[in-house]
Amino acid sequence: MEKLKCVWLRDIDRGRLEGYMDVVMKKIGISMGIYMSLIMSFFLALTGMGASGHFNIPGFIVSFLVSFMISLVISVLVPRGKVNKFLEM
């Protein structure tokens, strides 16, 4: 059985590491968009129902689902790569 040896980042092939990091960052971006949509939609629906003065569960659920779908579409359609490159300039 071969012993595991410590691998330093400087010893890893840069091309493989950059490709791996691109995949990881894409997954993080997608999950962040989903979580952000969920949290923002929950509080928007809660605030909207509270501000109207007529809080009921079916209205809250409908408001939450509509807000979540709109937020999810926006998070998917916004090109994160292009936005990041624009901000780096």
C-alpha atoms as a PDB file:
ATOM      1  CA  MET A   1       0.000   0.000   0.000  1.00  0.00           C
ATOM      2  CA  GLU A   2       1.371   3.357  -1.030  1.00  0.00           C
ATOM      3  CA  LYS A   3       1.555   6.176   1.484  1.00  0.00           C
ATOM      4  CA  LEU A   4      -0.238   9.395   0.696  1.00  0.00           C
ATOM      5  CA  LYS A   5       2.058  12.313   0.207  1.00  0.00           C
ATOM      6  CA  CYS A   6       1.382  15.983   0.662  1.00  0.00           C
ATOM      7  CA  VAL A   7       0.627  17.830  -2.565  1.00  0.00           C
ATOM      8  CA  TRP A   8       1.309  21.533  -2.692  1.00  0.00           C
ATOM      9  CA  LEU A   9      -0.656  23.869  -4.926  1.00  0.00           C
ATOM     10  CA  ARG A  10       2.543  24.981  -6.629  1.00  0.00           C
ATOM     11  CA  ASP A  11       3.161  21.386  -7.756  1.00  0.00           C
ATOM     12  CA  ILE A  12      -0.246  20.921  -9.415  1.00  0.00           C
ATOM     13  CA  ASP A  13      -0.604  21.527 -13.131  1.00  0.00           C
ATOM     14  CA  ARG A  14      -1.966  25.069 -13.498  1.00  0.00           C
ATOM     15  CA  GLY A  15      -4.298  24.195 -16.392  1.00  0.00           C
ATOM     16  CA  ARG A  16      -6.010  21.421 -14.448  1.00  0.00           C
ATOM     17  CA  LEU A  17      -6.351  23.603 -11.358  1.00  0.00           C
ATOM     18  CA  GLU A  18      -7.890  26.503 -13.307  1.00  0.00           C
ATOM     19  CA  GLY A  19     -10.359  24.174 -15.020  1.00  0.00           C
ATOM     20  CA  TYR A  20     -11.314  22.666 -11.686  1.00  0.00           C
ATOM     21  CA  MET A  21     -11.755  26.094 -10.118  1.00  0.00           C
ATOM     22  CA  ASP A  22     -14.005  27.195 -12.983  1.00  0.00           C
ATOM     23  CA  VAL A  23     -16.301  24.238 -12.337  1.00  0.00           C
ATOM     24  CA  VAL A  24     -16.322  24.860  -8.590  1.00  0.00           C
ATOM     25  CA  MET A  25     -17.042  28.567  -9.007  1.00  0.00           C
ATOM     26  CA  LYS A  26     -19.867  27.842 -11.440  1.00  0.00           C
ATOM     27  CA  LYS A  27     -21.478  25.458  -8.925  1.00  0.00           C
ATOM     28  CA  ILE A  28     -21.076  28.010  -6.155  1.00  0.00           C
ATOM     29  CA  GLY A  29     -22.635  30.703  -8.342  1.00  0.00           C
ATOM     30  CA  ILE A  30     -25.645  28.556  -9.192  1.00  0.00           C
ATOM     31  CA  SER A  31     -26.264  27.513  -5.595  1.00  0.00           C
ATOM     32  CA  MET A  32     -25.806  31.091  -4.401  1.00  0.00           C
ATOM     33  CA  GLY A  33     -28.392  32.282  -6.938  1.00  0.00           C
ATOM     34  CA  ILE A  34     -30.896  29.672  -5.770  1.00  0.00           C
ATOM     35  CA  TYR A  35     -30.377  30.411  -2.065  1.00  0.00           C
ATOM     36  CA  MET A  36     -30.516  34.154  -2.647  1.00  0.00           C
ATOM     37  CA  SER A  37     -33.763  33.751  -4.606  1.00  0.00           C
ATOM     38  CA  LEU A  38     -35.302  31.678  -1.815  1.00  0.00           C
ATOM     39  CA  ILE A  39     -34.364  34.036   0.995  1.00  0.00           C
ATOM     40  CA  MET A  40     -35.221  37.219  -0.880  1.00  0.00           C
ATOM     41  CA  SER A  41     -38.564  35.824  -2.055  1.00  0.00           C
ATOM     42  CA  PHE A  42     -39.514  34.706   1.438  1.00  0.00           C
ATOM     43  CA  PHE A  43     -38.916  38.122   2.949  1.00  0.00           C
ATOM     44  CA  LEU A  44     -40.489  39.977   0.020  1.00  0.00           C
ATOM     45  CA  ALA A  45     -43.634  37.852   0.300  1.00  0.00           C
ATOM     46  CA  LEU A  46     -43.697  38.286   4.067  1.00  0.00           C
ATOM     47  CA  THR A  47     -43.230  42.057   3.813  1.00  0.00           C
ATOM     48  CA  GLY A  48     -45.822  42.402   1.057  1.00  0.00           C
ATOM     49  CA  MET A  49     -48.448  40.441   2.943  1.00  0.00           C
ATOM     50  CA  GLY A  50     -47.685  42.310   6.160  1.00  0.00           C
ATOM     51  CA  ALA A  51     -47.861  45.720   4.461  1.00  0.00           C
ATOM     52  CA  SER A  52     -51.205  44.924   2.858  1.00  0.00           C
ATOM     53  CA  GLY A  53     -52.777  44.192   6.224  1.00  0.00           C
ATOM     54  CA  HIS A  54     -54.538  41.081   4.905  1.00  0.00           C
ATOM     55  CA  PHE A  55     -52.202  38.236   5.795  1.00  0.00           C
ATOM     56  CA  ASN A  56     -53.407  34.778   4.776  1.00  0.00           C
ATOM     57  CA  ILE A  57     -51.497  31.591   4.033  1.00  0.00           C
ATOM     58  CA  PRO A  58     -52.665  30.983   0.420  1.00  0.00           C
ATOM     59  CA  GLY A  59     -51.810  34.570  -0.537  1.00  0.00           C
ATOM     60  CA  PHE A  60     -48.398  34.244   1.075  1.00  0.00           C
ATOM     61  CA  ILE A  61     -47.674  31.003  -0.777  1.00  0.00           C
ATOM     62  CA  VAL A  62     -48.743  32.427  -4.146  1.00  0.00           C
ATOM     63  CA  SER A  63     -46.730  35.606  -3.549  1.00  0.00           C
ATOM     64  CA  PHE A  64     -43.691  33.570  -2.493  1.00  0.00           C
ATOM     65  CA  LEU A  65     -43.854  31.264  -5.528  1.00  0.00           C
ATOM     66  CA  VAL A  66     -44.263  34.114  -8.019  1.00  0.00           C
ATOM     67  CA  SER A  67     -41.424  36.068  -6.431  1.00  0.00           C
ATOM     68  CA  PHE A  68     -39.209  32.967  -6.318  1.00  0.00           C
ATOM     69  CA  MET A  69     -39.767  32.197 -10.009  1.00  0.00           C
ATOM     70  CA  ILE A  70     -38.987  35.782 -11.041  1.00  0.00           C
ATOM     71  CA  SER A  71     -35.857  35.870  -8.864  1.00  0.00           C
ATOM     72  CA  LEU A  72     -34.717  32.501 -10.185  1.00  0.00           C
ATOM     73  CA  VAL A  73     -35.130  33.596 -13.799  1.00  0.00           C
ATOM     74  CA  ILE A  74     -33.162  36.782 -13.105  1.00  0.00           C
ATOM     75  CA  SER A  75     -30.369  34.851 -11.382  1.00  0.00           C
ATOM     76  CA  VAL A  76     -30.107  32.469 -14.340  1.00  0.00           C
ATOM     77  CA  LEU A  77     -30.290  35.131 -17.041  1.00  0.00           C
ATOM     78  CA  VAL A  78     -27.758  37.555 -15.565  1.00  0.00           C
ATOM     79  CA  PRO A  79     -24.427  36.581 -17.139  1.00  0.00           C
ATOM     80  CA  ARG A  80     -22.147  36.404 -14.110  1.00  0.00           C
ATOM     81  CA  GLY A  81     -18.993  36.028 -16.179  1.00  0.00           C
ATOM     82  CA  LYS A  82     -19.647  39.152 -18.224  1.00  0.00           C
ATOM     83  CA  VAL A  83     -20.619  41.144 -15.142  1.00  0.00           C
ATOM     84  CA  ASN A  84     -17.434  40.071 -13.343  1.00  0.00           C
ATOM     85  CA  LYS A  85     -15.247  40.991 -16.308  1.00  0.00           C
ATOM     86  CA  PHE A  86     -16.968  44.389 -16.561  1.00  0.00           C
ATOM     87  CA  LEU A  87     -16.366  45.041 -12.852  1.00  0.00           C
ATOM     88  CA  GLU A  88     -12.683  44.113 -13.145  1.00  0.00           C
ATOM     89  CA  MET A  89     -12.034  46.879 -15.678  1.00  0.00           C
END
